[in-house]
Amino acid sequence: MLWSWLSFLILLWNTALQPQREVHRILQEVFRLSAPSLATFEEQSTQEANLKRIAQGAMDSGRFTNLFGEHSVCEATYSAEDYLTLLGTYSPYIELDRQTRDTLFKSLKETIDRRFAGSLPLWYLSALQVMRKPG
């Protein structure tokens, strides 16, 4: 029975956390001053399309069939410190030079503390995709 699972590809995803749109509009001003290339916002539909594109790529390879997928919108509240710690793990932030990152994070923390009482409402998609290997 265990060996039958070897014929499946199971993908578990959590997309990048996104602030609520209203929150993003306020934070966007901070990003524009220090790191304008990071002042982006992904709609839920964009994240859903990205998940579908990844799964479709696997299906198009001809190595998998019978795609099954589900996703849920999840919400979380992060403190300013936890949010900045998370951002610091994302590649675009790692690639920033240290001074730019430090300035950006200091400004974000000040804005989050002042405008949002030190915490942010965030959302992300949590997804499951299962495909079967033919044969």
N, C-alpha and C. Protein backbone atom coordinates (compact mmCIF):
# COMPACT_ATOMS: atom_id res chain seq x y z
N MET A 1 0.82 -1.19 0.00
CA MET A 1 0.00 0.00 0.00
C MET A 1 0.87 1.26 0.00
N LEU A 2 1.92 1.28 0.79
CA LEU A 2 2.81 2.43 0.85
C LEU A 2 3.39 2.75 -0.53
N TRP A 3 3.73 1.75 -1.28
CA TRP A 3 4.34 1.97 -2.59
C TRP A 3 3.41 2.66 -3.57
N SER A 4 2.11 2.51 -3.38
CA SER A 4 1.17 3.17 -4.30
C SER A 4 1.27 4.69 -4.21
N TRP A 5 1.69 5.22 -3.06
CA TRP A 5 1.84 6.67 -2.93
C TRP A 5 3.01 7.20 -3.75
N LEU A 6 3.92 6.34 -4.13
CA LEU A 6 5.05 6.77 -4.94
C LEU A 6 4.62 7.17 -6.35
N SER A 7 3.40 6.87 -6.71
CA SER A 7 2.92 7.22 -8.03
C SER A 7 2.18 8.56 -8.04
N PHE A 8 2.27 9.31 -6.95
CA PHE A 8 1.61 10.61 -6.86
C PHE A 8 2.63 11.71 -6.59
N LEU A 9 2.33 12.88 -7.11
CA LEU A 9 3.07 14.08 -6.74
C LEU A 9 2.10 14.92 -5.90
N ILE A 10 2.50 15.22 -4.69
CA ILE A 10 1.66 16.00 -3.79
C ILE A 10 2.40 17.29 -3.49
N LEU A 11 1.77 18.41 -3.83
CA LEU A 11 2.37 19.73 -3.60
C LEU A 11 1.53 20.47 -2.56
N LEU A 12 2.21 20.98 -1.55
CA LEU A 12 1.57 21.78 -0.51
C LEU A 12 2.18 23.18 -0.58
N TRP A 13 1.34 24.20 -0.66
CA TRP A 13 1.81 25.56 -0.86
C TRP A 13 1.20 26.50 0.16
N ASN A 14 1.97 27.45 0.59
CA ASN A 14 1.47 28.66 1.23
C ASN A 14 2.07 29.81 0.43
N THR A 15 1.22 30.66 -0.12
CA THR A 15 1.72 31.77 -0.91
C THR A 15 2.26 32.85 0.03
N ALA A 16 2.94 33.82 -0.55
CA ALA A 16 3.49 34.92 0.23
C ALA A 16 2.37 35.69 0.92
N LEU A 17 2.60 36.03 2.16
CA LEU A 17 1.61 36.81 2.91
C LEU A 17 1.42 38.18 2.27
N GLN A 18 0.19 38.62 2.22
CA GLN A 18 -0.17 39.92 1.65
C GLN A 18 -0.95 40.71 2.69
N PRO A 19 -0.65 42.01 2.80
CA PRO A 19 -1.50 42.83 3.67
C PRO A 19 -2.85 43.07 3.00
N GLN A 20 -3.83 43.42 3.80
CA GLN A 20 -5.11 43.81 3.23
C GLN A 20 -4.87 45.01 2.31
N ARG A 21 -5.70 45.19 1.30
CA ARG A 21 -5.51 46.24 0.30
C ARG A 21 -5.36 47.63 0.95
N GLU A 22 -6.18 47.95 1.92
CA GLU A 22 -6.12 49.27 2.56
C GLU A 22 -4.79 49.46 3.29
N VAL A 23 -4.33 48.40 3.92
CA VAL A 23 -3.04 48.43 4.62
C VAL A 23 -1.92 48.60 3.61
N HIS A 24 -2.02 47.88 2.51
CA HIS A 24 -0.99 47.97 1.48
C HIS A 24 -0.84 49.40 0.96
N ARG A 25 -1.95 50.08 0.76
CA ARG A 25 -1.89 51.46 0.24
C ARG A 25 -1.07 52.36 1.15
N ILE A 26 -1.18 52.15 2.43
CA ILE A 26 -0.41 52.95 3.38
C ILE A 26 1.06 52.54 3.37
N LEU A 27 1.31 51.23 3.39
CA LEU A 27 2.70 50.74 3.40
C LEU A 27 3.41 51.04 2.08
N GLN A 28 2.66 51.14 1.01
CA GLN A 28 3.23 51.39 -0.31
C GLN A 28 4.05 52.67 -0.32
N GLU A 29 3.63 53.66 0.41
CA GLU A 29 4.37 54.93 0.47
C GLU A 29 5.75 54.72 1.09
N VAL A 30 5.83 53.88 2.10
CA VAL A 30 7.12 53.57 2.73
C VAL A 30 8.01 52.85 1.73
N PHE A 31 7.46 51.87 1.03
CA PHE A 31 8.25 51.13 0.03
C PHE A 31 8.75 52.06 -1.07
N ARG A 32 7.92 52.96 -1.52
CA ARG A 32 8.31 53.86 -2.62
C ARG A 32 9.51 54.72 -2.26
N LEU A 33 9.66 55.04 -0.98
CA LEU A 33 10.79 55.86 -0.56
C LEU A 33 12.10 55.08 -0.51
N SER A 34 12.05 53.84 -0.07
CA SER A 34 13.27 53.06 0.15
C SER A 34 13.52 51.97 -0.89
N ALA A 35 12.46 51.31 -1.34
CA ALA A 35 12.61 50.17 -2.25
C ALA A 35 11.39 50.12 -3.18
N PRO A 36 11.31 51.03 -4.14
CA PRO A 36 10.11 51.12 -4.98
C PRO A 36 9.77 49.83 -5.73
N SER A 37 10.76 49.04 -6.05
CA SER A 37 10.50 47.79 -6.79
C SER A 37 9.72 46.78 -5.94
N LEU A 38 9.69 46.98 -4.63
CA LEU A 38 8.99 46.06 -3.74
C LEU A 38 7.61 46.56 -3.34
N ALA A 39 7.18 47.67 -3.91
CA ALA A 39 5.87 48.26 -3.58
C ALA A 39 4.75 47.59 -4.38
N THR A 40 4.78 46.28 -4.44
CA THR A 40 3.80 45.55 -5.24
C THR A 40 2.76 44.90 -4.34
N PHE A 41 1.63 44.60 -4.94
CA PHE A 41 0.55 43.93 -4.24
C PHE A 41 0.02 42.86 -5.16
N GLU A 42 -0.16 41.65 -4.65
CA GLU A 42 -0.72 40.57 -5.45
C GLU A 42 -2.17 40.36 -5.05
N GLU A 43 -3.03 40.43 -6.03
CA GLU A 43 -4.44 40.11 -5.82
C GLU A 43 -4.56 38.61 -5.58
N GLN A 44 -5.64 38.22 -4.94
CA GLN A 44 -5.90 36.80 -4.73
C GLN A 44 -5.96 36.08 -6.07
N SER A 45 -6.57 36.69 -7.07
CA SER A 45 -6.68 36.05 -8.39
C SER A 45 -5.32 35.81 -9.01
N THR A 46 -4.36 36.69 -8.76
CA THR A 46 -3.00 36.50 -9.28
C THR A 46 -2.34 35.30 -8.61
N GLN A 47 -2.48 35.20 -7.30
CA GLN A 47 -1.89 34.06 -6.60
C GLN A 47 -2.55 32.76 -7.04
N GLU A 48 -3.85 32.77 -7.24
CA GLU A 48 -4.55 31.57 -7.73
C GLU A 48 -4.03 31.18 -9.11
N ALA A 49 -3.87 32.17 -9.99
CA ALA A 49 -3.36 31.90 -11.34
C ALA A 49 -1.95 31.34 -11.29
N ASN A 50 -1.11 31.85 -10.38
CA ASN A 50 0.25 31.33 -10.25
C ASN A 50 0.24 29.87 -9.82
N LEU A 51 -0.63 29.52 -8.88
CA LEU A 51 -0.73 28.13 -8.44
C LEU A 51 -1.18 27.23 -9.59
N LYS A 52 -2.16 27.69 -10.36
CA LYS A 52 -2.63 26.90 -11.50
C LYS A 52 -1.54 26.73 -12.55
N ARG A 53 -0.77 27.80 -12.78
CA ARG A 53 0.31 27.76 -13.78
C ARG A 53 1.37 26.73 -13.40
N ILE A 54 1.72 26.68 -12.13
CA ILE A 54 2.71 25.71 -11.66
C ILE A 54 2.20 24.29 -11.87
N ALA A 55 0.96 24.04 -11.48
CA ALA A 55 0.38 22.70 -11.65
C ALA A 55 0.26 22.35 -13.12
N GLN A 56 -0.13 23.32 -13.94
CA GLN A 56 -0.28 23.05 -15.36
C GLN A 56 1.07 22.71 -16.00
N GLY A 57 2.13 23.34 -15.52
CA GLY A 57 3.46 23.02 -16.02
C GLY A 57 3.82 21.57 -15.77
N ALA A 58 3.48 21.08 -14.59
CA ALA A 58 3.73 19.67 -14.28
C ALA A 58 2.88 18.77 -15.17
N MET A 59 1.62 19.16 -15.37
CA MET A 59 0.74 18.36 -16.22
C MET A 59 1.22 18.38 -17.67
N ASP A 60 1.66 19.54 -18.15
CA ASP A 60 2.13 19.67 -19.53
C ASP A 60 3.40 18.87 -19.80
N SER A 61 4.12 18.51 -18.74
CA SER A 61 5.34 17.72 -18.92
C SER A 61 5.02 16.32 -19.42
N GLY A 62 3.75 15.91 -19.28
CA GLY A 62 3.35 14.57 -19.68
C GLY A 62 3.67 13.51 -18.65
N ARG A 63 4.24 13.90 -17.54
CA ARG A 63 4.64 12.94 -16.50
C ARG A 63 3.56 12.74 -15.44
N PHE A 64 2.51 13.57 -15.49
CA PHE A 64 1.47 13.47 -14.48
C PHE A 64 0.10 13.65 -15.12
N THR A 65 -0.92 13.08 -14.50
CA THR A 65 -2.31 13.21 -14.95
C THR A 65 -3.20 13.41 -13.74
N ASN A 66 -4.47 13.56 -13.99
CA ASN A 66 -5.49 13.60 -12.93
C ASN A 66 -5.19 14.64 -11.85
N LEU A 67 -5.03 15.89 -12.26
CA LEU A 67 -4.77 16.96 -11.30
C LEU A 67 -5.99 17.18 -10.41
N PHE A 68 -5.73 17.23 -9.13
CA PHE A 68 -6.73 17.62 -8.14
C PHE A 68 -6.13 18.77 -7.35
N GLY A 69 -6.87 19.83 -7.16
CA GLY A 69 -6.35 20.95 -6.39
C GLY A 69 -7.42 21.63 -5.57
N GLU A 70 -7.03 22.11 -4.43
CA GLU A 70 -7.89 22.87 -3.52
C GLU A 70 -7.04 23.97 -2.91
N HIS A 71 -7.67 25.08 -2.60
CA HIS A 71 -6.98 26.11 -1.83
C HIS A 71 -7.96 26.84 -0.93
N SER A 72 -7.42 27.44 0.11
CA SER A 72 -8.20 28.21 1.07
C SER A 72 -7.52 29.54 1.28
N VAL A 73 -8.32 30.56 1.49
CA VAL A 73 -7.78 31.86 1.88
C VAL A 73 -7.63 31.83 3.40
N CYS A 74 -6.44 32.11 3.86
CA CYS A 74 -6.16 32.12 5.29
C CYS A 74 -5.80 33.54 5.73
N GLU A 75 -6.13 33.86 6.94
CA GLU A 75 -5.81 35.16 7.50
C GLU A 75 -4.96 34.99 8.74
N ALA A 76 -4.08 35.94 8.93
CA ALA A 76 -3.20 35.92 10.10
C ALA A 76 -2.90 37.36 10.49
N THR A 77 -2.61 37.56 11.75
CA THR A 77 -2.19 38.88 12.23
C THR A 77 -0.76 38.73 12.73
N TYR A 78 0.12 39.56 12.20
CA TYR A 78 1.52 39.52 12.57
C TYR A 78 1.90 40.80 13.29
N SER A 79 2.71 40.67 14.32
CA SER A 79 3.29 41.86 14.95
C SER A 79 4.26 42.48 13.95
N ALA A 80 4.60 43.73 14.17
CA ALA A 80 5.56 44.39 13.27
C ALA A 80 6.87 43.61 13.22
N GLU A 81 7.34 43.15 14.36
CA GLU A 81 8.61 42.42 14.40
C GLU A 81 8.53 41.11 13.62
N ASP A 82 7.44 40.38 13.82
CA ASP A 82 7.29 39.10 13.11
C ASP A 82 7.14 39.32 11.60
N TYR A 83 6.42 40.36 11.22
CA TYR A 83 6.25 40.67 9.80
C TYR A 83 7.58 41.00 9.15
N LEU A 84 8.38 41.81 9.82
CA LEU A 84 9.69 42.18 9.27
C LEU A 84 10.64 40.99 9.24
N THR A 85 10.55 40.13 10.23
CA THR A 85 11.34 38.89 10.21
C THR A 85 10.97 38.04 9.00
N LEU A 86 9.67 37.92 8.75
CA LEU A 86 9.20 37.17 7.59
C LEU A 86 9.70 37.80 6.29
N LEU A 87 9.51 39.11 6.14
CA LEU A 87 9.98 39.78 4.92
C LEU A 87 11.47 39.53 4.70
N GLY A 88 12.22 39.51 5.77
CA GLY A 88 13.67 39.29 5.67
C GLY A 88 14.05 37.93 5.13
N THR A 89 13.08 37.00 5.03
CA THR A 89 13.36 35.68 4.47
C THR A 89 13.03 35.59 2.98
N TYR A 90 12.34 36.59 2.46
CA TYR A 90 11.96 36.59 1.05
C TYR A 90 13.12 37.10 0.20
N SER A 91 13.37 36.42 -0.90
CA SER A 91 14.52 36.73 -1.76
C SER A 91 14.66 38.20 -2.13
N PRO A 92 13.60 38.89 -2.55
CA PRO A 92 13.79 40.30 -2.93
C PRO A 92 14.34 41.17 -1.80
N TYR A 93 14.02 40.82 -0.56
CA TYR A 93 14.50 41.59 0.59
C TYR A 93 15.92 41.18 0.94
N ILE A 94 16.24 39.92 0.77
CA ILE A 94 17.61 39.45 1.02
C ILE A 94 18.56 40.12 0.03
N GLU A 95 18.08 40.35 -1.19
CA GLU A 95 18.92 40.94 -2.23
C GLU A 95 19.18 42.43 -2.05
N LEU A 96 18.39 43.09 -1.22
CA LEU A 96 18.62 44.52 -0.97
C LEU A 96 19.95 44.72 -0.26
N ASP A 97 20.61 45.84 -0.56
CA ASP A 97 21.82 46.12 0.21
C ASP A 97 21.41 46.41 1.65
N ARG A 98 22.33 46.18 2.56
CA ARG A 98 22.01 46.22 4.00
C ARG A 98 21.43 47.57 4.42
N GLN A 99 22.00 48.66 3.94
CA GLN A 99 21.53 49.98 4.35
C GLN A 99 20.09 50.22 3.89
N THR A 100 19.78 49.84 2.65
CA THR A 100 18.43 50.00 2.13
C THR A 100 17.43 49.16 2.92
N ARG A 101 17.81 47.90 3.18
CA ARG A 101 16.93 47.01 3.94
C ARG A 101 16.70 47.55 5.35
N ASP A 102 17.77 48.00 6.01
CA ASP A 102 17.64 48.53 7.36
C ASP A 102 16.74 49.77 7.38
N THR A 103 16.92 50.66 6.43
CA THR A 103 16.09 51.88 6.34
C THR A 103 14.64 51.52 6.08
N LEU A 104 14.42 50.60 5.14
CA LEU A 104 13.06 50.17 4.82
C LEU A 104 12.39 49.54 6.04
N PHE A 105 13.06 48.63 6.69
CA PHE A 105 12.47 47.93 7.83
C PHE A 105 12.20 48.89 9.00
N LYS A 106 13.10 49.83 9.23
CA LYS A 106 12.89 50.82 10.30
C LYS A 106 11.64 51.65 9.98
N SER A 107 11.51 52.10 8.75
CA SER A 107 10.35 52.90 8.35
C SER A 107 9.06 52.09 8.41
N LEU A 108 9.12 50.83 7.98
CA LEU A 108 7.94 49.97 8.05
C LEU A 108 7.51 49.77 9.50
N LYS A 109 8.47 49.49 10.37
CA LYS A 109 8.14 49.28 11.79
C LYS A 109 7.49 50.53 12.37
N GLU A 110 8.06 51.70 12.09
CA GLU A 110 7.48 52.94 12.61
C GLU A 110 6.05 53.14 12.10
N THR A 111 5.83 52.87 10.82
CA THR A 111 4.49 53.03 10.23
C THR A 111 3.51 52.02 10.80
N ILE A 112 3.93 50.78 10.93
CA ILE A 112 3.06 49.74 11.50
C ILE A 112 2.70 50.07 12.95
N ASP A 113 3.69 50.51 13.71
CA ASP A 113 3.43 50.86 15.11
C ASP A 113 2.48 52.06 15.21
N ARG A 114 2.71 53.06 14.38
CA ARG A 114 1.92 54.29 14.46
C ARG A 114 0.52 54.14 13.87
N ARG A 115 0.43 53.52 12.70
CA ARG A 115 -0.85 53.46 11.98
C ARG A 115 -1.70 52.24 12.29
N PHE A 116 -1.04 51.15 12.75
CA PHE A 116 -1.77 49.89 12.92
C PHE A 116 -1.57 49.28 14.32
N ALA A 117 -1.20 50.10 15.27
CA ALA A 117 -1.03 49.65 16.66
C ALA A 117 -0.10 48.46 16.78
N GLY A 118 0.90 48.39 15.91
CA GLY A 118 1.95 47.38 16.04
C GLY A 118 1.68 46.03 15.42
N SER A 119 0.55 45.87 14.73
CA SER A 119 0.29 44.57 14.10
C SER A 119 -0.47 44.76 12.78
N LEU A 120 -0.32 43.78 11.90
CA LEU A 120 -0.92 43.85 10.57
C LEU A 120 -1.83 42.66 10.29
N PRO A 121 -3.00 42.91 9.71
CA PRO A 121 -3.83 41.81 9.21
C PRO A 121 -3.30 41.40 7.84
N LEU A 122 -3.04 40.12 7.68
CA LEU A 122 -2.46 39.60 6.44
C LEU A 122 -3.30 38.43 5.94
N TRP A 123 -3.14 38.09 4.67
CA TRP A 123 -3.80 36.92 4.11
C TRP A 123 -2.84 36.18 3.19
N TYR A 124 -3.14 34.92 2.95
CA TYR A 124 -2.36 34.09 2.03
C TYR A 124 -3.23 32.94 1.57
N LEU A 125 -2.81 32.27 0.53
CA LEU A 125 -3.49 31.07 0.08
C LEU A 125 -2.73 29.86 0.57
N SER A 126 -3.44 28.89 1.08
CA SER A 126 -2.87 27.60 1.43
C SER A 126 -3.46 26.60 0.45
N ALA A 127 -2.61 25.89 -0.27
CA ALA A 127 -3.09 25.07 -1.37
C ALA A 127 -2.53 23.65 -1.31
N LEU A 128 -3.34 22.75 -1.84
CA LEU A 128 -2.97 21.34 -2.01
C LEU A 128 -3.19 21.01 -3.49
N GLN A 129 -2.17 20.41 -4.10
CA GLN A 129 -2.29 19.93 -5.47
C GLN A 129 -1.78 18.50 -5.52
N VAL A 130 -2.57 17.61 -6.10
CA VAL A 130 -2.20 16.21 -6.20
C VAL A 130 -2.30 15.79 -7.66
N MET A 131 -1.26 15.13 -8.16
CA MET A 131 -1.24 14.61 -9.52
C MET A 131 -0.79 13.16 -9.48
N ARG A 132 -1.26 12.40 -10.41
CA ARG A 132 -0.90 10.99 -10.48
C ARG A 132 0.10 10.76 -11.60
N LYS A 133 1.08 9.90 -11.32
CA LYS A 133 2.03 9.50 -12.33
C LYS A 133 1.39 8.38 -13.14
N PRO A 134 1.28 8.52 -14.48
CA PRO A 134 0.63 7.48 -15.27
C PRO A 134 1.36 6.13 -15.16
N GLY A 135 0.57 5.09 -15.31
CA GLY A 135 1.16 3.75 -15.35
C GLY A 135 1.10 3.08 -14.09
